[in-house]
N, C-alpha and C. Protein backbone atom coordinates (compact mmCIF):
# COMPACT_ATOMS: atom_id res chain seq x y z
N MET A 1 -3.62 -2.38 -9.79
CA MET A 1 -2.39 -2.99 -9.34
C MET A 1 -2.69 -3.88 -8.15
N ASN A 2 -2.12 -5.06 -8.16
CA ASN A 2 -2.30 -5.97 -7.04
C ASN A 2 -1.29 -5.63 -5.95
N PHE A 3 -1.78 -5.49 -4.74
CA PHE A 3 -0.93 -5.18 -3.60
C PHE A 3 -0.72 -6.43 -2.78
N LYS A 4 0.51 -6.64 -2.32
CA LYS A 4 0.85 -7.81 -1.51
C LYS A 4 0.88 -7.43 -0.04
N LYS A 5 0.70 -8.41 0.81
CA LYS A 5 0.74 -8.18 2.25
C LYS A 5 2.14 -7.71 2.64
N GLY A 6 2.22 -6.64 3.41
CA GLY A 6 3.49 -6.10 3.86
C GLY A 6 4.10 -5.07 2.92
N GLN A 7 3.46 -4.80 1.81
CA GLN A 7 3.99 -3.84 0.84
C GLN A 7 3.80 -2.41 1.35
N LEU A 8 4.81 -1.59 1.17
CA LEU A 8 4.74 -0.18 1.55
C LEU A 8 4.08 0.61 0.43
N VAL A 9 3.14 1.48 0.80
CA VAL A 9 2.41 2.27 -0.19
C VAL A 9 2.39 3.74 0.23
N LYS A 10 2.17 4.60 -0.76
CA LYS A 10 2.02 6.04 -0.56
C LYS A 10 0.68 6.47 -1.12
N HIS A 11 0.20 7.61 -0.66
CA HIS A 11 -1.01 8.21 -1.21
C HIS A 11 -0.62 8.93 -2.50
N ARG A 12 -1.44 8.87 -3.52
CA ARG A 12 -1.10 9.50 -4.80
C ARG A 12 -0.98 11.02 -4.70
N ASP A 13 -1.83 11.65 -3.90
CA ASP A 13 -1.81 13.11 -3.79
C ASP A 13 -0.86 13.62 -2.73
N ASN A 14 -0.56 12.83 -1.71
CA ASN A 14 0.31 13.25 -0.61
C ASN A 14 1.40 12.21 -0.42
N PRO A 15 2.58 12.39 -1.01
CA PRO A 15 3.63 11.38 -0.91
C PRO A 15 4.21 11.25 0.50
N ASN A 16 3.93 12.18 1.40
CA ASN A 16 4.41 12.05 2.77
C ASN A 16 3.58 11.06 3.57
N TRP A 17 2.37 10.73 3.11
CA TRP A 17 1.50 9.76 3.77
C TRP A 17 1.95 8.38 3.34
N LYS A 18 2.33 7.54 4.31
CA LYS A 18 2.80 6.19 4.00
C LYS A 18 2.06 5.19 4.87
N ALA A 19 1.91 3.98 4.35
CA ALA A 19 1.22 2.92 5.09
C ALA A 19 1.75 1.57 4.63
N VAL A 20 1.33 0.53 5.35
CA VAL A 20 1.70 -0.85 5.03
C VAL A 20 0.41 -1.61 4.73
N VAL A 21 0.40 -2.37 3.65
CA VAL A 21 -0.77 -3.14 3.27
C VAL A 21 -0.89 -4.35 4.19
N LEU A 22 -2.07 -4.53 4.79
CA LEU A 22 -2.34 -5.69 5.63
C LEU A 22 -3.02 -6.80 4.85
N ARG A 23 -4.00 -6.43 4.00
CA ARG A 23 -4.65 -7.45 3.16
C ARG A 23 -5.41 -6.76 2.02
N ASP A 24 -5.54 -7.51 0.95
CA ASP A 24 -6.26 -7.08 -0.23
C ASP A 24 -7.68 -7.63 -0.11
N LEU A 25 -8.68 -6.77 -0.09
CA LEU A 25 -10.05 -7.22 0.11
C LEU A 25 -10.62 -7.94 -1.11
N ASN A 26 -10.14 -7.60 -2.30
CA ASN A 26 -10.60 -8.29 -3.51
C ASN A 26 -9.43 -8.36 -4.49
N PRO A 27 -8.61 -9.41 -4.41
CA PRO A 27 -7.41 -9.48 -5.26
C PRO A 27 -7.69 -9.66 -6.74
N ARG A 28 -8.91 -10.04 -7.10
CA ARG A 28 -9.24 -10.22 -8.52
C ARG A 28 -9.51 -8.90 -9.23
N LYS A 29 -9.76 -7.84 -8.47
CA LYS A 29 -9.99 -6.52 -9.07
C LYS A 29 -8.76 -5.65 -8.80
N PRO A 30 -7.96 -5.39 -9.82
CA PRO A 30 -6.71 -4.66 -9.59
C PRO A 30 -6.88 -3.16 -9.35
N VAL A 31 -8.00 -2.55 -9.75
CA VAL A 31 -8.12 -1.10 -9.60
C VAL A 31 -9.31 -0.71 -8.74
N ASN A 32 -10.49 -1.16 -9.07
CA ASN A 32 -11.71 -0.70 -8.41
C ASN A 32 -12.06 -1.55 -7.20
N SER A 33 -11.14 -1.62 -6.27
CA SER A 33 -11.36 -2.40 -5.06
C SER A 33 -10.67 -1.70 -3.90
N CYS A 34 -10.61 -2.37 -2.76
CA CYS A 34 -10.03 -1.76 -1.57
C CYS A 34 -8.99 -2.68 -0.93
N VAL A 35 -8.10 -2.07 -0.17
CA VAL A 35 -7.13 -2.79 0.64
C VAL A 35 -7.20 -2.26 2.06
N VAL A 36 -6.80 -3.08 3.01
CA VAL A 36 -6.70 -2.66 4.40
C VAL A 36 -5.25 -2.29 4.65
N VAL A 37 -5.02 -1.05 5.10
CA VAL A 37 -3.66 -0.58 5.36
C VAL A 37 -3.54 -0.17 6.82
N GLU A 38 -2.30 -0.20 7.31
CA GLU A 38 -2.01 0.27 8.66
C GLU A 38 -1.22 1.56 8.54
N HIS A 39 -1.75 2.62 9.14
CA HIS A 39 -1.12 3.94 9.11
C HIS A 39 -1.15 4.50 10.53
N ASN A 40 0.02 4.77 11.09
CA ASN A 40 0.15 5.31 12.45
C ASN A 40 -0.57 4.44 13.48
N GLY A 41 -0.48 3.14 13.34
CA GLY A 41 -1.04 2.22 14.31
C GLY A 41 -2.53 1.93 14.17
N SER A 42 -3.20 2.52 13.20
CA SER A 42 -4.62 2.24 13.02
C SER A 42 -4.85 1.63 11.64
N GLU A 43 -5.85 0.77 11.56
CA GLU A 43 -6.19 0.13 10.30
C GLU A 43 -7.25 0.94 9.57
N ARG A 44 -7.07 1.09 8.27
CA ARG A 44 -8.01 1.85 7.44
C ARG A 44 -8.26 1.09 6.15
N VAL A 45 -9.44 1.27 5.60
CA VAL A 45 -9.76 0.70 4.29
C VAL A 45 -9.58 1.82 3.27
N MET A 46 -8.73 1.55 2.28
CA MET A 46 -8.42 2.57 1.26
C MET A 46 -8.67 1.97 -0.12
N GLY A 47 -9.06 2.81 -1.04
CA GLY A 47 -9.24 2.38 -2.43
C GLY A 47 -7.89 2.19 -3.11
N LYS A 48 -7.81 1.20 -3.97
CA LYS A 48 -6.55 0.94 -4.67
C LYS A 48 -6.18 2.06 -5.62
N SER A 49 -7.16 2.76 -6.15
CA SER A 49 -6.86 3.82 -7.12
C SER A 49 -6.22 5.03 -6.44
N VAL A 50 -6.29 5.12 -5.12
CA VAL A 50 -5.72 6.25 -4.38
C VAL A 50 -4.29 5.97 -3.97
N LEU A 51 -3.87 4.71 -4.01
CA LEU A 51 -2.55 4.30 -3.53
C LEU A 51 -1.61 3.98 -4.67
N ARG A 52 -0.32 4.09 -4.35
CA ARG A 52 0.71 3.64 -5.27
C ARG A 52 1.84 3.03 -4.45
N PRO A 53 2.58 2.09 -5.00
CA PRO A 53 3.66 1.46 -4.24
C PRO A 53 4.79 2.44 -3.96
N ASP A 54 5.41 2.29 -2.81
CA ASP A 54 6.56 3.11 -2.44
C ASP A 54 7.81 2.36 -2.91
N LEU A 55 8.20 2.60 -4.14
CA LEU A 55 9.29 1.85 -4.76
C LEU A 55 10.63 2.14 -4.12
N LEU A 56 10.87 3.36 -3.69
CA LEU A 56 12.14 3.70 -3.06
C LEU A 56 12.33 2.93 -1.76
N ALA A 57 11.30 2.85 -0.94
CA ALA A 57 11.39 2.10 0.31
C ALA A 57 11.56 0.61 0.04
N GLU A 58 10.92 0.10 -0.99
CA GLU A 58 11.07 -1.32 -1.34
C GLU A 58 12.50 -1.61 -1.78
N MET A 59 13.11 -0.72 -2.56
CA MET A 59 14.49 -0.92 -3.00
C MET A 59 15.45 -0.84 -1.82
N GLU A 60 15.24 0.10 -0.91
CA GLU A 60 16.11 0.20 0.26
C GLU A 60 16.01 -1.05 1.12
N LYS A 61 14.81 -1.58 1.27
CA LYS A 61 14.62 -2.80 2.06
C LYS A 61 15.32 -3.96 1.37
N GLU A 62 15.26 -4.03 0.05
CA GLU A 62 15.88 -5.10 -0.70
C GLU A 62 17.40 -5.10 -0.58
N PHE A 63 18.02 -3.91 -0.66
CA PHE A 63 19.48 -3.83 -0.66
C PHE A 63 20.07 -3.83 0.74
N ASN A 64 19.28 -3.57 1.76
CA ASN A 64 19.81 -3.57 3.12
C ASN A 64 19.68 -4.92 3.81
N ARG A 65 19.33 -5.95 3.08
CA ARG A 65 19.22 -7.29 3.68
C ARG A 65 20.56 -7.86 3.99
């Protein structure tokens, strides 16, 4: 899955862990690549296969505009 800058994501195993995507390190590889995320004020490199989009937060942001 391609992640966009500013997209909210969750960890697949722990849905309480949330982060914001800062940049996609390799946008041509949708699964076997990494993204840089910001979680609790620190930047981390995470694999795309470990993350999933936080659709509920995206919908709330869309409707509260």
